PDB file of N, CA and C in Angstrom:
ATOM      1  N   MET A   1      16.411  12.986  20.473  1.00  0.00           N
ATOM      2  CA  MET A   1      16.123  11.639  20.911  1.00  0.00           C
ATOM      3  C   MET A   1      14.601  11.437  20.922  1.00  0.00           C
ATOM      4  N   PRO A   2      14.123  10.448  20.186  1.00  0.00           N
ATOM      5  CA  PRO A   2      12.675  10.214  20.161  1.00  0.00           C
ATOM      6  C   PRO A   2      12.176   9.638  21.483  1.00  0.00           C
ATOM      7  N   ARG A   3      10.985  10.079  21.846  1.00  0.00           N
ATOM      8  CA  ARG A   3      10.357   9.591  23.078  1.00  0.00           C
ATOM      9  C   ARG A   3       9.002   8.997  22.723  1.00  0.00           C
ATOM     10  N   ARG A   4       8.751   7.822  23.224  1.00  0.00           N
ATOM     11  CA  ARG A   4       7.542   7.086  22.860  1.00  0.00           C
ATOM     12  C   ARG A   4       6.264   7.858  23.203  1.00  0.00           C
ATOM     13  N   TYR A   5       6.262   8.610  24.281  1.00  0.00           N
ATOM     14  CA  TYR A   5       5.057   9.337  24.679  1.00  0.00           C
ATOM     15  C   TYR A   5       4.702  10.467  23.717  1.00  0.00           C
ATOM     16  N   GLU A   6       5.603  10.828  22.802  1.00  0.00           N
ATOM     17  CA  GLU A   6       5.322  11.896  21.851  1.00  0.00           C
ATOM     18  C   GLU A   6       4.544  11.420  20.618  1.00  0.00           C
ATOM     19  N   ILE A   7       4.432  10.126  20.432  1.00  0.00           N
ATOM     20  CA  ILE A   7       3.748   9.590  19.254  1.00  0.00           C
ATOM     21  C   ILE A   7       2.263   9.967  19.239  1.00  0.00           C
ATOM     22  N   PRO A   8       1.496   9.735  20.318  1.00  0.00           N
ATOM     23  CA  PRO A   8       0.084  10.139  20.285  1.00  0.00           C
ATOM     24  C   PRO A   8      -0.102  11.644  20.063  1.00  0.00           C
ATOM     25  N   GLY A   9       0.792  12.449  20.593  1.00  0.00           N
ATOM     26  CA  GLY A   9       0.715  13.888  20.387  1.00  0.00           C
ATOM     27  C   GLY A   9       0.933  14.258  18.923  1.00  0.00           C
ATOM     28  N   ALA A  10       1.831  13.537  18.267  1.00  0.00           N
ATOM     29  CA  ALA A  10       2.063  13.774  16.843  1.00  0.00           C
ATOM     30  C   ALA A  10       0.823  13.403  16.037  1.00  0.00           C
ATOM     31  N   PHE A  11       0.143  12.333  16.455  1.00  0.00           N
ATOM     32  CA  PHE A  11      -1.084  11.952  15.755  1.00  0.00           C
ATOM     33  C   PHE A  11      -2.139  13.043  15.904  1.00  0.00           C
ATOM     34  N   LYS A  12      -2.307  13.533  17.119  1.00  0.00           N
ATOM     35  CA  LYS A  12      -3.297  14.595  17.360  1.00  0.00           C
ATOM     36  C   LYS A  12      -2.954  15.866  16.589  1.00  0.00           C
ATOM     37  N   ALA A  13      -1.668  16.173  16.471  1.00  0.00           N
ATOM     38  CA  ALA A  13      -1.253  17.368  15.737  1.00  0.00           C
ATOM     39  C   ALA A  13      -1.515  17.227  14.234  1.00  0.00           C
ATOM     40  N   ALA A  14      -1.590  16.000  13.742  1.00  0.00           N
ATOM     41  CA  ALA A  14      -1.817  15.761  12.313  1.00  0.00           C
ATOM     42  C   ALA A  14      -3.293  15.818  11.922  1.00  0.00           C
ATOM     43  N   ILE A  15      -4.187  15.843  12.903  1.00  0.00           N
ATOM     44  CA  ILE A  15      -5.625  15.852  12.616  1.00  0.00           C
ATOM     45  C   ILE A  15      -6.035  17.192  12.027  1.00  0.00           C
ATOM     46  N   LYS A  16      -6.813  17.134  10.956  1.00  0.00           N
ATOM     47  CA  LYS A  16      -7.332  18.344  10.311  1.00  0.00           C
ATOM     48  C   LYS A  16      -8.840  18.375  10.439  1.00  0.00           C
ATOM     49  N   ARG A  17      -9.369  19.538  10.793  1.00  0.00           N
ATOM     50  CA  ARG A  17     -10.818  19.724  10.910  1.00  0.00           C
ATOM     51  C   ARG A  17     -11.300  20.434   9.661  1.00  0.00           C
ATOM     52  N   GLU A  18     -12.253  19.827   8.976  1.00  0.00           N
ATOM     53  CA  GLU A  18     -12.822  20.413   7.766  1.00  0.00           C
ATOM     54  C   GLU A  18     -13.954  21.367   8.148  1.00  0.00           C
ATOM     55  N   PRO A  19     -14.350  22.276   7.246  1.00  0.00           N
ATOM     56  CA  PRO A  19     -15.417  23.248   7.559  1.00  0.00           C
ATOM     57  C   PRO A  19     -16.735  22.593   7.997  1.00  0.00           C
ATOM     58  N   ASN A  20     -17.010  21.392   7.514  1.00  0.00           N
ATOM     59  CA  ASN A  20     -18.252  20.720   7.898  1.00  0.00           C
ATOM     60  C   ASN A  20     -18.135  19.987   9.237  1.00  0.00           C
ATOM     61  N   GLY A  21     -16.976  20.081   9.906  1.00  0.00           N
ATOM     62  CA  GLY A  21     -16.785  19.465  11.212  1.00  0.00           C
ATOM     63  C   GLY A  21     -16.105  18.110  11.170  1.00  0.00           C
ATOM     64  N   ARG A  22     -15.973  17.536   9.993  1.00  0.00           N
ATOM     65  CA  ARG A  22     -15.326  16.222   9.857  1.00  0.00           C
ATOM     66  C   ARG A  22     -13.847  16.349  10.189  1.00  0.00           C
ATOM     67  N   GLN A  23     -13.322  15.378  10.932  1.00  0.00           N
ATOM     68  CA  GLN A  23     -11.911  15.380  11.304  1.00  0.00           C
ATOM     69  C   GLN A  23     -11.218  14.235  10.590  1.00  0.00           C
ATOM     70  N   THR A  24     -10.124  14.566   9.905  1.00  0.00           N
ATOM     71  CA  THR A  24      -9.378  13.554   9.158  1.00  0.00           C
ATOM     72  C   THR A  24      -7.898  13.676   9.456  1.00  0.00           C
ATOM     73  N   VAL A  25      -7.189  12.598   9.177  1.00  0.00           N
ATOM     74  CA  VAL A  25      -5.731  12.601   9.276  1.00  0.00           C
ATOM     75  C   VAL A  25      -5.190  11.698   8.175  1.00  0.00           C
ATOM     76  N   SER A  26      -4.175  12.190   7.474  1.00  0.00           N
ATOM     77  CA  SER A  26      -3.538  11.369   6.453  1.00  0.00           C
ATOM     78  C   SER A  26      -2.263  10.780   7.041  1.00  0.00           C
ATOM     79  N   THR A  27      -1.861   9.661   6.497  1.00  0.00           N
ATOM     80  CA  THR A  27      -0.641   9.019   6.976  1.00  0.00           C
ATOM     81  C   THR A  27       0.548   9.945   6.765  1.00  0.00           C
ATOM     82  N   GLN A  28       0.586  10.639   5.637  1.00  0.00           N
ATOM     83  CA  GLN A  28       1.714  11.547   5.362  1.00  0.00           C
ATOM     84  C   GLN A  28       1.779  12.670   6.389  1.00  0.00           C
ATOM     85  N   ASP A  29       0.649  13.238   6.764  1.00  0.00           N
ATOM     86  CA  ASP A  29       0.643  14.291   7.782  1.00  0.00           C
ATOM     87  C   ASP A  29       1.136  13.758   9.128  1.00  0.00           C
ATOM     88  N   PHE A  30       0.751  12.536   9.464  1.00  0.00           N
ATOM     89  CA  PHE A  30       1.198  11.908  10.712  1.00  0.00           C
ATOM     90  C   PHE A  30       2.716  11.715  10.692  1.00  0.00           C
ATOM     91  N   VAL A  31       3.245  11.219   9.578  1.00  0.00           N
ATOM     92  CA  VAL A  31       4.690  10.998   9.455  1.00  0.00           C
ATOM     93  C   VAL A  31       5.438  12.334   9.554  1.00  0.00           C
ATOM     94  N   THR A  32       4.879  13.392   8.980  1.00  0.00           N
ATOM     95  CA  THR A  32       5.490  14.715   9.053  1.00  0.00           C
ATOM     96  C   THR A  32       5.550  15.205  10.501  1.00  0.00           C
ATOM     97  N   GLN A  33       4.463  15.018  11.235  1.00  0.00           N
ATOM     98  CA  GLN A  33       4.443  15.424  12.648  1.00  0.00           C
ATOM     99  C   GLN A  33       5.400  14.569  13.480  1.00  0.00           C
ATOM    100  N   LEU A  34       5.516  13.287  13.156  1.00  0.00           N
ATOM    101  CA  LEU A  34       6.466  12.422  13.861  1.00  0.00           C
ATOM    102  C   LEU A  34       7.900  12.895  13.652  1.00  0.00           C
ATOM    103  N   ALA A  35       8.216  13.318  12.441  1.00  0.00           N
ATOM    104  CA  ALA A  35       9.572  13.785  12.144  1.00  0.00           C
ATOM    105  C   ALA A  35       9.932  15.004  12.995  1.00  0.00           C
ATOM    106  N   LYS A  36       8.947  15.816  13.325  1.00  0.00           N
ATOM    107  CA  LYS A  36       9.192  16.998  14.158  1.00  0.00           C
ATOM    108  C   LYS A  36       9.614  16.636  15.572  1.00  0.00           C
ATOM    109  N   VAL A  37       9.269  15.409  16.006  1.00  0.00           N
ATOM    110  CA  VAL A  37       9.663  14.954  17.350  1.00  0.00           C
ATOM    111  C   VAL A  37      10.667  13.802  17.257  1.00  0.00           C
ATOM    112  N   ASN A  38      11.439  13.800  16.158  1.00  0.00           N
ATOM    113  CA  ASN A  38      12.573  12.886  15.952  1.00  0.00           C
ATOM    114  C   ASN A  38      12.207  11.422  15.734  1.00  0.00           C
ATOM    115  N   TRP A  39      11.027  11.156  15.237  1.00  0.00           N
ATOM    116  CA  TRP A  39      10.658   9.800  14.838  1.00  0.00           C
ATOM    117  C   TRP A  39      10.664   9.762  13.312  1.00  0.00           C
ATOM    118  N   ASN A  40      11.445   8.888  12.737  1.00  0.00           N
ATOM    119  CA  ASN A  40      11.538   8.774  11.283  1.00  0.00           C
ATOM    120  C   ASN A  40      10.892   7.466  10.851  1.00  0.00           C
ATOM    121  N   TRP A  41       9.590   7.514  10.672  1.00  0.00           N
ATOM    122  CA  TRP A  41       8.823   6.331  10.294  1.00  0.00           C
ATOM    123  C   TRP A  41       8.474   6.362   8.822  1.00  0.00           C
ATOM    124  N   SER A  42       8.322   5.175   8.265  1.00  0.00           N
ATOM    125  CA  SER A  42       7.797   5.060   6.913  1.00  0.00           C
ATOM    126  C   SER A  42       6.272   5.164   6.983  1.00  0.00           C
ATOM    127  N   LEU A  43       5.648   5.331   5.835  1.00  0.00           N
ATOM    128  CA  LEU A  43       4.186   5.359   5.802  1.00  0.00           C
ATOM    129  C   LEU A  43       3.621   4.042   6.311  1.00  0.00           C
ATOM    130  N   HIS A  44       4.279   2.946   5.965  1.00  0.00           N
ATOM    131  CA  HIS A  44       3.812   1.627   6.409  1.00  0.00           C
ATOM    132  C   HIS A  44       3.843   1.505   7.932  1.00  0.00           C
ATOM    133  N   GLU A  45       4.931   1.959   8.546  1.00  0.00           N
ATOM    134  CA  GLU A  45       5.036   1.907  10.013  1.00  0.00           C
ATOM    135  C   GLU A  45       3.965   2.771  10.671  1.00  0.00           C
ATOM    136  N   ALA A  46       3.713   3.941  10.105  1.00  0.00           N
ATOM    137  CA  ALA A  46       2.699   4.835  10.660  1.00  0.00           C
ATOM    138  C   ALA A  46       1.311   4.197  10.551  1.00  0.00           C
ATOM    139  N   ASN A  47       1.016   3.570   9.419  1.00  0.00           N
ATOM    140  CA  ASN A  47      -0.274   2.894   9.255  1.00  0.00           C
ATOM    141  C   ASN A  47      -0.441   1.766  10.262  1.00  0.00           C
ATOM    142  N   GLN A  48       0.627   1.026  10.501  1.00  0.00           N
ATOM    143  CA  GLN A  48       0.556  -0.059  11.496  1.00  0.00           C
ATOM    144  C   GLN A  48       0.239   0.494  12.873  1.00  0.00           C
ATOM    145  N   TRP A  49       0.875   1.608  13.251  1.00  0.00           N
ATOM    146  CA  TRP A  49       0.616   2.200  14.561  1.00  0.00           C
ATOM    147  C   TRP A  49      -0.838   2.661  14.655  1.00  0.00           C
ATOM    148  N   ILE A  50      -1.322   3.334  13.618  1.00  0.00           N
ATOM    149  CA  ILE A  50      -2.705   3.817  13.618  1.00  0.00           C
ATOM    150  C   ILE A  50      -3.678   2.647  13.748  1.00  0.00           C
ATOM    151  N   GLU A  51      -3.471   1.607  12.974  1.00  0.00           N
ATOM    152  CA  GLU A  51      -4.370   0.443  13.021  1.00  0.00           C
ATOM    153  C   GLU A  51      -4.366  -0.226  14.386  1.00  0.00           C
ATOM    154  N   HIS A  52      -3.239  -0.208  15.068  1.00  0.00           N
ATOM    155  CA  HIS A  52      -3.130  -0.895  16.353  1.00  0.00           C
ATOM    156  C   HIS A  52      -3.622  -0.052  17.529  1.00  0.00           C
ATOM    157  N   TYR A  53      -3.299   1.235  17.529  1.00  0.00           N
ATOM    158  CA  TYR A  53      -3.560   2.065  18.703  1.00  0.00           C
ATOM    159  C   TYR A  53      -4.749   3.014  18.597  1.00  0.00           C
ATOM    160  N   VAL A  54      -5.233   3.273  17.398  1.00  0.00           N
ATOM    161  CA  VAL A  54      -6.312   4.254  17.233  1.00  0.00           C
ATOM    162  C   VAL A  54      -7.589   3.530  16.830  1.00  0.00           C
ATOM    163  N   THR A  55      -8.599   3.609  17.690  1.00  0.00           N
ATOM    164  CA  THR A  55      -9.853   2.891  17.427  1.00  0.00           C
ATOM    165  C   THR A  55     -10.986   3.822  17.013  1.00  0.00           C
ATOM    166  N   THR A  56     -10.777   5.123  17.087  1.00  0.00           N
ATOM    167  CA  THR A  56     -11.851   6.061  16.791  1.00  0.00           C
ATOM    168  C   THR A  56     -11.758   6.651  15.385  1.00  0.00           C
ATOM    169  N   PHE A  57     -10.821   6.179  14.588  1.00  0.00           N
ATOM    170  CA  PHE A  57     -10.679   6.628  13.207  1.00  0.00           C
ATOM    171  C   PHE A  57     -10.828   5.421  12.292  1.00  0.00           C
ATOM    172  N   LYS A  58     -11.521   5.620  11.160  1.00  0.00           N
ATOM    173  CA  LYS A  58     -11.651   4.535  10.189  1.00  0.00           C
ATOM    174  C   LYS A  58     -11.043   4.976   8.870  1.00  0.00           C
ATOM    175  N   ASP A  59     -10.600   4.002   8.103  1.00  0.00           N
ATOM    176  CA  ASP A  59      -9.945   4.248   6.827  1.00  0.00           C
ATOM    177  C   ASP A  59     -10.981   4.626   5.776  1.00  0.00           C
ATOM    178  N   ILE A  60     -10.806   5.799   5.174  1.00  0.00           N
ATOM    179  CA  ILE A  60     -11.707   6.238   4.095  1.00  0.00           C
ATOM    180  C   ILE A  60     -10.893   6.583   2.857  1.00  0.00           C
ATOM    181  N   SER A  61      -9.770   5.944   2.684  1.00  0.00           N
ATOM    182  CA  SER A  61      -8.853   6.256   1.591  1.00  0.00           C
ATOM    183  C   SER A  61      -9.526   6.103   0.234  1.00  0.00           C
ATOM    184  N   PRO A  62      -9.418   7.141  -0.612  1.00  0.00           N
ATOM    185  CA  PRO A  62     -10.006   7.058  -1.939  1.00  0.00           C
ATOM    186  C   PRO A  62      -9.143   6.232  -2.902  1.00  0.00           C
ATOM    187  N   ASN A  63      -7.850   6.058  -2.593  1.00  0.00           N
ATOM    188  CA  ASN A  63      -6.923   5.352  -3.475  1.00  0.00           C
ATOM    189  C   ASN A  63      -6.178   4.278  -2.711  1.00  0.00           C
ATOM    190  N   GLU A  64      -5.619   3.327  -3.454  1.00  0.00           N
ATOM    191  CA  GLU A  64      -4.769   2.303  -2.859  1.00  0.00           C
ATOM    192  C   GLU A  64      -3.408   2.921  -2.548  1.00  0.00           C
ATOM    193  N   GLY A  65      -2.685   2.321  -1.648  1.00  0.00           N
ATOM    194  CA  GLY A  65      -1.335   2.780  -1.336  1.00  0.00           C
ATOM    195  C   GLY A  65      -1.154   2.992   0.150  1.00  0.00           C
ATOM    196  N   GLU A  66       0.036   3.421   0.496  1.00  0.00           N
ATOM    197  CA  GLU A  66       0.385   3.596   1.903  1.00  0.00           C
ATOM    198  C   GLU A  66      -0.054   4.939   2.473  1.00  0.00           C
ATOM    199  N   ASN A  67      -0.220   5.960   1.634  1.00  0.00           N
ATOM    200  CA  ASN A  67      -0.684   7.259   2.146  1.00  0.00           C
ATOM    201  C   ASN A  67      -2.205   7.210   2.244  1.00  0.00           C
ATOM    202  N   ARG A  68      -2.665   6.743   3.395  1.00  0.00           N
ATOM    203  CA  ARG A  68      -4.093   6.537   3.601  1.00  0.00           C
ATOM    204  C   ARG A  68      -4.722   7.738   4.288  1.00  0.00           C
ATOM    205  N   LEU A  69      -6.050   7.785   4.256  1.00  0.00           N
ATOM    206  CA  LEU A  69      -6.808   8.856   4.889  1.00  0.00           C
ATOM    207  C   LEU A  69      -7.749   8.222   5.901  1.00  0.00           C
ATOM    208  N   PHE A  70      -7.711   8.732   7.130  1.00  0.00           N
ATOM    209  CA  PHE A  70      -8.552   8.220   8.205  1.00  0.00           C
ATOM    210  C   PHE A  70      -9.486   9.315   8.667  1.00  0.00           C
ATOM    211  N   MET A  71     -10.721   8.941   9.021  1.00  0.00           N
ATOM    212  CA  MET A  71     -11.717   9.899   9.479  1.00  0.00           C
ATOM    213  C   MET A  71     -12.219   9.491  10.865  1.00  0.00           C
ATOM    214  N   LEU A  72     -12.419  10.491  11.716  1.00  0.00           N
ATOM    215  CA  LEU A  72     -12.967  10.268  13.048  1.00  0.00           C
ATOM    216  C   LEU A  72     -14.425   9.841  12.901  1.00  0.00           C
ATOM    217  N   TYR A  73     -14.813   8.818  13.630  1.00  0.00           N
ATOM    218  CA  TYR A  73     -16.206   8.387  13.606  1.00  0.00           C
ATOM    219  C   TYR A  73     -16.625   8.029  15.021  1.00  0.00           C
ATOM    220  N   ASN A  74     -17.936   8.008  15.234  1.00  0.00           N
ATOM    221  CA  ASN A  74     -18.494   7.649  16.529  1.00  0.00           C
ATOM    222  C   ASN A  74     -19.028   6.229  16.434  1.00  0.00           C
ATOM    223  N   PRO A  75     -18.350   5.273  17.049  1.00  0.00           N
ATOM    224  CA  PRO A  75     -18.800   3.881  16.950  1.00  0.00           C
ATOM    225  C   PRO A  75     -20.131   3.620  17.637  1.00  0.00           C
ATOM    226  N   ASN A  76     -20.623   4.555  18.448  1.00  0.00           N
ATOM    227  CA  ASN A  76     -21.883   4.369  19.157  1.00  0.00           C
ATOM    228  C   ASN A  76     -23.061   4.973  18.400  1.00  0.00           C
ATOM    229  N   GLY A  77     -22.849   5.428  17.180  1.00  0.00           N
ATOM    230  CA  GLY A  77     -23.921   5.979  16.383  1.00  0.00           C
ATOM    231  C   GLY A  77     -24.436   7.316  16.888  1.00  0.00           C
ATOM    232  N   GLY A  78     -23.598   8.051  17.594  1.00  0.00           N
ATOM    233  CA  GLY A  78     -24.004   9.371  18.075  1.00  0.00           C
ATOM    234  C   GLY A  78     -24.716   9.353  19.413  1.00  0.00           C
ATOM    235  N   LEU A  79     -24.805   8.202  20.046  1.00  0.00           N
ATOM    236  CA  LEU A  79     -25.472   8.098  21.337  1.00  0.00           C
ATOM    237  C   LEU A  79     -24.523   8.367  22.486  1.00  0.00           C
TER     238      LEU A  79
END
């Protein structure tokens, strides 16, 4: 049974840290983590959730489509 409080945890589990310290998450990785907690979302649904609830990641997708790539950024310019 899916539980709404597990969605943010699935997002955090999908975050990948690159060797240079950059943190990214792809929509496909998020959907995969959601499936582990019984949420069966499409890429479109996952993108809608990210756009609505996540303010610290920006879209840096190199290609068009639903499997987007988001990167953690500091909106305060590092201050």
